Amino acid sequence: MTDTVLSRFLRYVVIDTQSDAASPSQPSTEKQKNLGRVLVEELQSIGLADAHLDEHGYVYATVPANTDKDVPVICFCSHMDTAPDFTGKDVQPKLHRDYQGGDITLGNSGRIIRTSDHPELDNQIGNDVVTTDGTTLLGADDKAGIAEIVTAAEMLVRDTSIPHGTIKLLFTPDEEIGRGVDKVDLAKLGARFAYTMDGGTAGSVEDETFSADLLTLEITGVAMHPGFAKGRMENAIKIAGQILARLPHEVSPEGTDGIDGFVHPTEVTGSMEAATVKLIVRDFKDAGLTEKRDMVDDIARAVLADFPGSSYRISTVEQYRNMKQVLDRHPEIIDNAEEAIRRAGMTPRRAPVRGGTDGSRLSFMGLPTANIFAGGHAFHSPLEWISHQDMDRAVRTIIEIAKIWEERA
């Protein structure tokens, strides 16, 4: 290799690629294309002649097959944007070589990655751990996945002794704001199956995500001059507050884990006359989404019973669905990934994702897509970290996946 996964990763994370949910454009921020242009140049330099960046911010490239077998075309995908949750500008990655355990102090920021909060650090003894200086997020989500895919692509191009079919690469914008595949051209991509490299702990493979809906609760109150409001005003803001106060803790993000779903208010706006509450609903079963919507509806109806002059309206927008509904029809995707993880020296770990990935929507768009670990931890925060060795393991996993699809064709 002329470059390592670590050197690539350190080069990518200093490029600010935060997406912006308030922007209507695609990509939502032009700066995401800065990384896209870097990737196109690198991919072309390693021999992927068709690598290009389209007007919507997607990077496409192809690793040509080197076998005569009829191997299904597979794709590896990662997203270029970082989350709006915490600043991604002026990232200063810090490399902690030969980590020997204990808490990691992040520069002069006052922030500390504590082993009590990050037990996976116990598995990193002797490894080279990358963190921030505590003032930004790192961007391992998902620039680690990008670095791993590009590194694996270079290995496949340069080492002709590794047999593989045609492999497509796809790097997307705006995944963090739910628009990662809005304008992807699946016909141009031409893949039958795919893997997103966007997971956490080394060895993990994921075939299940939340199903997700957005609820909007619109409340109409009774506006009145406050000096003459007794017995007449019905303040929509207060009505919204009462509804939110009745949402049960055991159906909240902070009160659930594992395969439990939740209802999570994300935005409240309004005046005494009208207020709007936006809530996201998550569950691994579609029926659970319906139950939680009905719960919110019941709470709103009960609260509004005390406000006879007011009314409410609830609406639902589907966001994405559990990719397991699709992947169960294509068990070879997970079977091949788990075997690749074993060949790369790890024990596969399968667990549901308490979130969504580009793979969720790609699966329902006709490209069945599972998720593979990229090695990062504490995403969307200044405590984000990853190890060089786990990124290397991800590279080996990609190589083995390519080999296994060829072997089993």
Protein backbone atom coordinates (compact mmCIF):
# COMPACT_ATOMS: atom_id res chain seq x y z
CA MET A 1 0.00 0.00 0.00
CA THR A 2 1.16 3.52 -0.71
CA ASP A 3 -1.08 4.84 2.06
CA THR A 4 -2.49 3.43 5.31
CA VAL A 5 -6.01 3.50 6.61
CA LEU A 6 -4.79 5.65 9.50
CA SER A 7 -3.09 8.26 7.32
CA ARG A 8 -6.18 8.48 5.15
CA PHE A 9 -8.44 8.83 8.16
CA LEU A 10 -6.31 11.60 9.68
CA ARG A 11 -6.38 13.43 6.35
CA TYR A 12 -10.15 13.15 5.94
CA VAL A 13 -11.25 14.21 9.42
CA VAL A 14 -9.70 17.68 9.15
CA ILE A 15 -12.06 18.47 6.26
CA ASP A 16 -15.23 20.06 7.66
CA THR A 17 -18.23 18.23 6.19
CA GLN A 18 -21.07 18.92 8.63
CA SER A 19 -24.52 18.66 7.11
CA ASP A 20 -27.31 21.13 7.86
CA ALA A 21 -30.92 20.03 8.32
CA ALA A 22 -32.15 23.60 7.82
CA SER A 23 -30.76 23.75 4.30
CA PRO A 24 -33.07 22.62 1.47
CA SER A 25 -30.24 21.95 -0.99
CA GLN A 26 -28.62 18.62 -1.89
CA PRO A 27 -26.03 18.32 -0.54
CA SER A 28 -27.17 20.46 2.35
CA THR A 29 -23.70 22.04 2.61
CA GLU A 30 -21.35 22.63 -0.31
CA LYS A 31 -18.34 21.88 1.89
CA GLN A 32 -19.19 18.19 1.79
CA LYS A 33 -18.07 18.27 -1.83
CA ASN A 34 -14.58 19.28 -0.66
CA LEU A 35 -14.11 15.78 0.71
CA GLY A 36 -15.82 14.33 -2.34
CA ARG A 37 -13.27 15.95 -4.64
CA VAL A 38 -10.39 14.63 -2.53
CA LEU A 39 -11.84 11.13 -2.70
CA VAL A 40 -12.30 11.24 -6.46
CA GLU A 41 -8.68 12.28 -6.93
CA GLU A 42 -7.45 9.49 -4.64
CA LEU A 43 -9.65 6.84 -6.24
CA GLN A 44 -8.50 7.79 -9.71
CA SER A 45 -4.88 7.71 -8.56
CA ILE A 46 -5.23 4.08 -7.43
CA GLY A 47 -6.72 3.09 -10.76
CA LEU A 48 -10.49 3.55 -10.49
CA ALA A 49 -10.92 5.42 -13.75
CA ASP A 50 -14.68 5.98 -13.44
CA ALA A 51 -14.51 7.69 -10.02
CA HIS A 52 -16.55 10.88 -10.08
CA LEU A 53 -18.51 13.35 -7.96
CA ASP A 54 -21.99 14.18 -9.18
CA GLU A 55 -23.93 17.43 -8.77
CA HIS A 56 -25.75 16.12 -5.69
CA GLY A 57 -22.53 15.35 -3.80
CA TYR A 58 -22.35 11.57 -4.34
CA VAL A 59 -19.06 9.86 -5.15
CA TYR A 60 -19.26 6.75 -7.35
CA ALA A 61 -16.44 4.40 -8.34
CA THR A 62 -15.88 0.83 -9.54
CA VAL A 63 -13.27 -1.80 -8.70
CA PRO A 64 -13.38 -4.01 -11.83
CA ALA A 65 -13.75 -7.78 -11.46
CA ASN A 66 -10.68 -9.97 -11.92
CA THR A 67 -12.52 -13.31 -12.17
CA ASP A 68 -14.46 -15.10 -14.88
CA LYS A 69 -17.15 -16.18 -12.41
CA ASP A 70 -20.59 -14.60 -12.47
CA VAL A 71 -20.27 -12.89 -9.09
CA PRO A 72 -23.10 -10.64 -7.83
CA VAL A 73 -22.04 -7.00 -7.92
CA ILE A 74 -21.67 -5.74 -4.33
CA CYS A 75 -21.26 -2.22 -3.05
CA PHE A 76 -19.50 -0.72 -0.05
CA CYS A 77 -20.96 2.57 1.17
CA SER A 78 -20.11 5.22 3.76
CA HIS A 79 -21.27 8.79 4.33
CA MET A 80 -19.12 11.89 4.09
CA ASP A 81 -21.04 14.25 6.37
CA THR A 82 -20.63 14.62 10.10
CA ALA A 83 -23.46 15.26 12.52
CA PRO A 84 -24.75 18.77 13.33
CA ASP A 85 -24.91 17.74 17.02
CA PHE A 86 -21.41 19.10 17.77
CA THR A 87 -18.98 21.22 15.80
CA GLY A 88 -16.83 19.50 13.18
CA LYS A 89 -14.80 22.57 12.23
CA ASP A 90 -11.04 22.70 12.77
CA VAL A 91 -10.77 19.11 13.96
CA GLN A 92 -7.41 18.44 15.62
CA PRO A 93 -7.02 14.64 15.79
CA LYS A 94 -4.74 13.32 18.52
CA LEU A 95 -2.96 9.96 18.20
CA HIS A 96 -2.33 8.09 21.44
CA ARG A 97 0.17 5.41 20.43
CA ASP A 98 0.47 2.16 22.37
CA TYR A 99 -2.44 2.96 24.67
CA GLN A 100 -1.84 1.37 28.07
CA GLY A 101 -5.22 1.83 29.66
CA GLY A 102 -6.80 4.46 31.86
CA ASP A 103 -8.75 7.62 31.21
CA ILE A 104 -7.77 9.82 28.25
CA THR A 105 -7.59 13.57 28.87
CA LEU A 106 -8.50 15.61 25.81
CA GLY A 107 -6.05 18.51 25.75
CA ASN A 108 -7.04 21.55 27.75
CA SER A 109 -10.75 21.17 27.04
CA GLY A 110 -11.58 19.75 30.45
CA ARG A 111 -13.13 16.71 28.79
CA ILE A 112 -12.03 13.19 29.65
CA ILE A 113 -12.81 9.85 28.01
CA ARG A 114 -13.32 7.72 31.09
CA THR A 115 -12.91 3.97 30.97
CA SER A 116 -15.91 3.66 33.29
CA ASP A 117 -18.06 5.18 30.55
CA HIS A 118 -16.20 3.54 27.65
CA PRO A 119 -15.46 -0.06 28.67
CA GLU A 120 -14.49 -0.94 25.08
CA LEU A 121 -11.21 0.89 25.79
CA ASP A 122 -10.21 -2.17 27.84
CA ASN A 123 -9.91 -4.03 24.52
CA GLN A 124 -7.53 -1.43 23.08
CA ILE A 125 -4.45 -2.04 25.24
CA GLY A 126 -1.37 -1.69 23.04
CA ASN A 127 -3.38 -0.14 20.20
CA ASP A 128 -3.08 3.32 18.71
CA VAL A 129 -6.16 5.32 19.71
CA VAL A 130 -7.28 8.47 17.88
CA THR A 131 -9.28 11.16 19.70
CA THR A 132 -9.97 14.86 19.31
CA ASP A 133 -8.55 17.64 21.46
CA GLY A 134 -11.98 17.84 23.12
CA THR A 135 -13.21 20.89 21.24
CA THR A 136 -14.83 19.14 18.23
CA LEU A 137 -16.23 15.79 17.26
CA LEU A 138 -13.76 13.48 15.51
CA GLY A 139 -15.68 12.38 12.43
CA ALA A 140 -15.02 8.66 12.74
CA ASP A 141 -18.73 8.57 11.93
CA ASP A 142 -18.23 7.98 9.10
CA LYS A 143 -14.83 8.99 7.75
CA ALA A 144 -13.44 5.83 9.28
CA GLY A 145 -15.70 3.85 6.97
CA ILE A 146 -14.55 5.91 3.99
CA ALA A 147 -10.85 5.41 4.84
CA GLU A 148 -11.42 1.68 5.23
CA ILE A 149 -13.22 1.32 1.91
CA VAL A 150 -10.64 3.35 -0.04
CA THR A 151 -7.78 1.40 1.54
CA ALA A 152 -9.42 -1.94 0.76
CA ALA A 153 -10.11 -0.80 -2.81
CA GLU A 154 -6.44 0.02 -3.30
CA MET A 155 -5.45 -3.41 -1.98
CA LEU A 156 -7.85 -5.16 -4.34
CA VAL A 157 -6.58 -3.20 -7.32
CA ARG A 158 -2.90 -3.73 -6.56
CA ASP A 159 -2.99 -7.36 -5.39
CA THR A 160 -4.31 -9.28 -8.38
CA SER A 161 -3.97 -12.56 -6.48
CA ILE A 162 -7.17 -11.68 -4.55
CA PRO A 163 -10.08 -12.91 -6.69
CA HIS A 164 -13.24 -10.80 -6.61
CA GLY A 165 -16.20 -9.73 -8.67
CA THR A 166 -17.14 -6.19 -9.61
CA ILE A 167 -17.24 -3.96 -6.54
CA LYS A 168 -18.97 -0.60 -6.44
CA LEU A 169 -18.07 2.22 -4.07
CA LEU A 170 -20.58 4.84 -2.95
CA PHE A 171 -19.92 7.81 -0.65
CA THR A 172 -23.00 9.81 0.28
CA PRO A 173 -23.75 13.26 1.70
CA ASP A 174 -26.34 14.19 4.32
CA GLU A 175 -26.79 10.80 6.03
CA GLU A 176 -26.78 12.46 9.43
CA ILE A 177 -29.86 14.52 8.57
CA GLY A 178 -31.78 11.63 7.02
CA ARG A 179 -31.22 12.49 3.36
CA GLY A 180 -28.26 10.27 2.58
CA VAL A 181 -29.82 8.40 -0.32
CA ASP A 182 -32.42 10.92 -1.50
CA LYS A 183 -30.80 11.36 -4.90
CA VAL A 184 -28.61 8.28 -5.26
CA ASP A 185 -28.71 6.76 -8.75
CA LEU A 186 -29.12 3.02 -8.14
CA ALA A 187 -29.26 2.26 -11.86
CA LYS A 188 -25.88 3.91 -12.35
CA LEU A 189 -24.52 2.17 -9.25
CA GLY A 190 -25.57 -1.21 -10.63
CA ALA A 191 -25.12 -3.27 -7.45
CA ARG A 192 -27.27 -6.20 -6.26
CA PHE A 193 -26.25 -6.17 -2.60
CA ALA A 194 -24.43 -3.70 -0.37
CA TYR A 195 -22.74 -3.08 2.95
CA THR A 196 -22.54 0.23 4.77
CA MET A 197 -19.35 0.61 6.80
CA ASP A 198 -20.89 2.68 9.55
CA GLY A 199 -20.94 0.66 12.76
CA GLY A 200 -19.09 0.70 16.05
CA THR A 201 -17.34 -2.13 17.85
CA ALA A 202 -14.99 -4.33 15.84
CA GLY A 203 -16.66 -7.57 14.79
CA SER A 204 -20.20 -6.21 14.75
CA VAL A 205 -22.57 -6.79 11.85
CA GLU A 206 -26.08 -5.41 11.86
CA ASP A 207 -29.12 -6.51 9.91
CA GLU A 208 -31.75 -4.71 11.95
CA THR A 209 -32.55 -1.07 12.63
CA PHE A 210 -35.40 0.84 14.14
CA SER A 211 -38.42 1.59 12.06
CA ALA A 212 -39.00 5.32 12.27
CA ASP A 213 -41.82 7.86 11.97
CA LEU A 214 -42.07 11.60 12.53
CA LEU A 215 -45.13 12.79 14.44
CA THR A 216 -46.34 16.37 14.25
CA LEU A 217 -48.83 17.57 16.84
CA GLU A 218 -50.54 20.87 15.94
CA ILE A 219 -52.41 22.54 18.79
CA THR A 220 -54.85 25.39 18.36
CA GLY A 221 -55.58 27.33 21.55
CA VAL A 222 -57.72 30.35 22.41
CA ALA A 223 -55.79 33.63 22.27
CA MET A 224 -56.88 36.47 24.53
CA HIS A 225 -55.42 39.69 25.92
CA PRO A 226 -53.80 38.59 29.19
CA GLY A 227 -55.45 41.43 31.05
CA PHE A 228 -58.88 40.04 30.25
CA ALA A 229 -58.06 36.34 29.99
CA LYS A 230 -59.63 34.89 33.13
CA GLY A 231 -61.74 31.89 32.26
CA ARG A 232 -61.27 32.50 28.56
CA MET A 233 -57.63 32.09 27.46
CA GLU A 234 -56.43 28.59 26.54
CA ASN A 235 -52.68 28.93 25.99
CA ALA A 236 -51.46 26.53 23.30
CA ILE A 237 -47.91 26.59 24.70
CA LYS A 238 -49.17 25.42 28.10
CA ILE A 239 -51.30 22.74 26.46
CA ALA A 240 -48.22 21.48 24.64
CA GLY A 241 -46.31 21.48 27.93
CA GLN A 242 -48.95 19.37 29.64
CA ILE A 243 -48.90 16.83 26.80
CA LEU A 244 -45.11 16.57 26.96
CA ALA A 245 -45.17 16.21 30.74
CA ARG A 246 -47.42 13.14 30.44
CA LEU A 247 -45.09 11.25 28.08
CA PRO A 248 -43.97 8.25 30.16
CA HIS A 249 -40.29 7.90 31.08
CA GLU A 250 -40.33 4.20 30.21
CA VAL A 251 -41.12 5.08 26.58
CA SER A 252 -38.39 7.73 26.28
CA PRO A 253 -34.84 7.43 24.87
CA GLU A 254 -33.41 7.91 28.36
CA GLY A 255 -35.68 5.18 29.74
CA THR A 256 -35.13 2.46 27.11
CA ASP A 257 -32.44 0.26 25.65
CA GLY A 258 -32.07 -3.04 23.78
CA ILE A 259 -35.08 -3.66 21.57
CA ASP A 260 -37.35 -1.17 23.33
CA GLY A 261 -38.76 1.64 21.20
CA PHE A 262 -39.43 5.20 22.28
CA VAL A 263 -41.17 8.52 21.66
CA HIS A 264 -38.85 11.53 21.66
CA PRO A 265 -39.93 15.20 21.36
CA THR A 266 -37.40 17.07 19.22
CA GLU A 267 -38.94 20.50 18.67
CA VAL A 268 -41.57 22.76 20.23
CA THR A 269 -42.61 26.07 18.66
CA GLY A 270 -45.59 28.35 18.99
CA SER A 271 -47.56 31.08 20.70
CA MET A 272 -50.61 31.18 22.92
CA GLU A 273 -52.80 30.78 19.84
CA ALA A 274 -51.04 27.85 18.19
CA ALA A 275 -48.19 25.49 19.02
CA THR A 276 -46.47 22.68 17.16
CA VAL A 277 -44.69 19.72 18.72
CA LYS A 278 -42.50 17.42 16.63
CA LEU A 279 -41.70 13.96 17.96
CA ILE A 280 -39.76 11.06 16.53
CA VAL A 281 -41.11 7.57 17.13
CA ARG A 282 -38.85 4.52 17.00
CA ASP A 283 -39.58 0.80 17.28
CA PHE A 284 -38.22 -2.41 15.80
CA LYS A 285 -41.74 -3.46 14.81
CA ASP A 286 -44.11 -1.43 12.70
CA ALA A 287 -46.95 -2.31 15.09
CA GLY A 288 -44.95 -0.65 17.85
CA LEU A 289 -44.91 2.59 15.88
CA THR A 290 -48.70 2.50 15.68
CA GLU A 291 -49.01 1.83 19.41
CA LYS A 292 -46.80 4.79 20.26
CA ARG A 293 -48.64 7.11 17.91
CA ASP A 294 -51.90 6.04 19.54
CA MET A 295 -50.37 6.70 22.96
CA VAL A 296 -49.50 10.28 21.98
CA ASP A 297 -52.97 10.72 20.51
CA ASP A 298 -54.60 9.46 23.71
CA ILE A 299 -52.48 11.80 25.86
CA ALA A 300 -53.36 14.79 23.68
CA ARG A 301 -57.06 13.94 23.76
CA ALA A 302 -57.01 13.63 27.55
CA VAL A 303 -55.22 16.96 28.01
CA LEU A 304 -57.51 18.77 25.55
CA ALA A 305 -60.55 17.57 27.51
CA ASP A 306 -59.74 20.33 29.99
CA PHE A 307 -59.59 22.97 27.23
CA PRO A 308 -63.00 22.94 25.51
CA GLY A 309 -62.21 25.83 23.17
CA SER A 310 -59.00 24.27 21.85
CA SER A 311 -58.23 21.50 19.38
CA TYR A 312 -55.35 19.44 18.07
CA ARG A 313 -54.32 17.56 14.96
CA ILE A 314 -51.77 14.74 14.75
CA SER A 315 -50.03 13.67 11.54
CA THR A 316 -47.44 11.02 10.71
CA VAL A 317 -44.63 10.94 8.16
CA GLU A 318 -42.78 7.68 7.51
CA GLN A 319 -39.01 8.11 7.78
CA TYR A 320 -37.56 4.60 7.33
CA ARG A 321 -38.29 0.98 8.14
CA ASN A 322 -36.39 -1.88 9.76
CA MET A 323 -34.03 -3.24 7.10
CA LYS A 324 -34.40 -6.73 8.57
CA GLN A 325 -37.69 -7.00 6.70
CA VAL A 326 -35.64 -7.01 3.48
CA LEU A 327 -32.43 -8.69 4.62
CA ASP A 328 -34.22 -11.77 5.94
CA ARG A 329 -35.01 -12.53 2.29
CA HIS A 330 -31.29 -12.48 1.44
CA PRO A 331 -29.51 -14.40 4.23
CA GLU A 332 -26.32 -14.72 2.17
CA ILE A 333 -25.55 -11.04 2.82
CA ILE A 334 -25.15 -11.60 6.56
CA ASP A 335 -23.74 -15.13 6.21
CA ASN A 336 -20.92 -13.85 4.01
CA ALA A 337 -20.22 -10.90 6.31
CA GLU A 338 -20.03 -13.06 9.43
CA GLU A 339 -17.66 -15.50 7.72
CA ALA A 340 -15.49 -12.58 6.61
CA ILE A 341 -15.33 -11.27 10.18
CA ARG A 342 -14.23 -14.71 11.38
CA ARG A 343 -11.53 -14.89 8.70
CA ALA A 344 -10.34 -11.46 9.79
CA GLY A 345 -9.73 -12.90 13.27
CA MET A 346 -12.82 -11.77 15.16
CA THR A 347 -16.00 -13.27 16.54
CA PRO A 348 -19.05 -11.84 14.73
CA ARG A 349 -21.47 -9.92 16.93
CA ARG A 350 -24.96 -9.37 15.62
CA ALA A 351 -27.13 -6.79 17.34
CA PRO A 352 -29.91 -4.39 16.33
CA VAL A 353 -29.01 -0.77 15.63
CA ARG A 354 -30.82 1.68 17.89
CA GLY A 355 -30.97 4.10 15.01
CA GLY A 356 -30.95 4.04 11.24
CA THR A 357 -28.39 3.91 8.47
CA ASP A 358 -28.33 4.63 4.76
CA GLY A 359 -28.75 0.86 4.54
CA SER A 360 -32.30 1.05 5.89
CA ARG A 361 -33.55 3.14 3.01
CA LEU A 362 -31.32 1.51 0.40
CA SER A 363 -32.79 -1.86 1.34
CA PHE A 364 -36.33 -0.64 0.71
CA MET A 365 -35.24 1.12 -2.48
CA GLY A 366 -34.20 -2.23 -3.93
CA LEU A 367 -30.58 -2.57 -2.78
CA PRO A 368 -30.50 -4.94 0.23
CA THR A 369 -27.85 -3.48 2.53
CA ALA A 370 -26.41 -4.66 5.84
CA ASN A 371 -24.17 -2.65 8.17
CA ILE A 372 -20.59 -3.56 9.13
CA PHE A 373 -18.47 -2.11 11.91
CA ALA A 374 -16.13 0.79 11.17
CA GLY A 375 -14.65 0.81 14.68
CA GLY A 376 -15.72 4.18 16.07
CA HIS A 377 -17.16 4.98 19.48
CA ALA A 378 -19.03 7.87 21.18
CA PHE A 379 -20.28 9.26 17.89
CA HIS A 380 -21.58 12.84 17.59
CA SER A 381 -19.59 14.06 20.57
CA PRO A 382 -16.16 15.49 21.49
CA LEU A 383 -15.47 12.17 23.25
CA GLU A 384 -15.46 10.27 19.94
CA TRP A 385 -12.57 7.85 19.48
CA ILE A 386 -11.31 5.00 17.31
CA SER A 387 -8.23 2.80 17.08
CA HIS A 388 -5.93 2.25 14.12
CA GLN A 389 -6.04 -1.50 14.70
CA ASP A 390 -9.84 -1.67 14.55
CA MET A 391 -9.77 0.23 11.27
CA ASP A 392 -7.26 -2.31 9.96
CA ARG A 393 -9.65 -5.08 11.01
CA ALA A 394 -12.41 -3.40 9.03
CA VAL A 395 -10.17 -3.25 5.95
CA ARG A 396 -9.45 -6.96 6.26
CA THR A 397 -13.16 -7.66 6.64
CA ILE A 398 -13.92 -5.81 3.39
CA ILE A 399 -11.26 -7.82 1.57
CA GLU A 400 -12.62 -11.09 2.94
CA ILE A 401 -16.19 -10.18 1.99
CA ALA A 402 -15.05 -9.60 -1.58
CA LYS A 403 -13.24 -12.94 -1.63
CA ILE A 404 -16.16 -14.88 -0.14
CA TRP A 405 -18.70 -13.58 -2.66
CA GLU A 406 -16.34 -14.73 -5.42
CA GLU A 407 -15.76 -18.14 -3.80
CA ARG A 408 -19.46 -18.82 -3.35
CA ALA A 409 -20.58 -17.61 -6.79
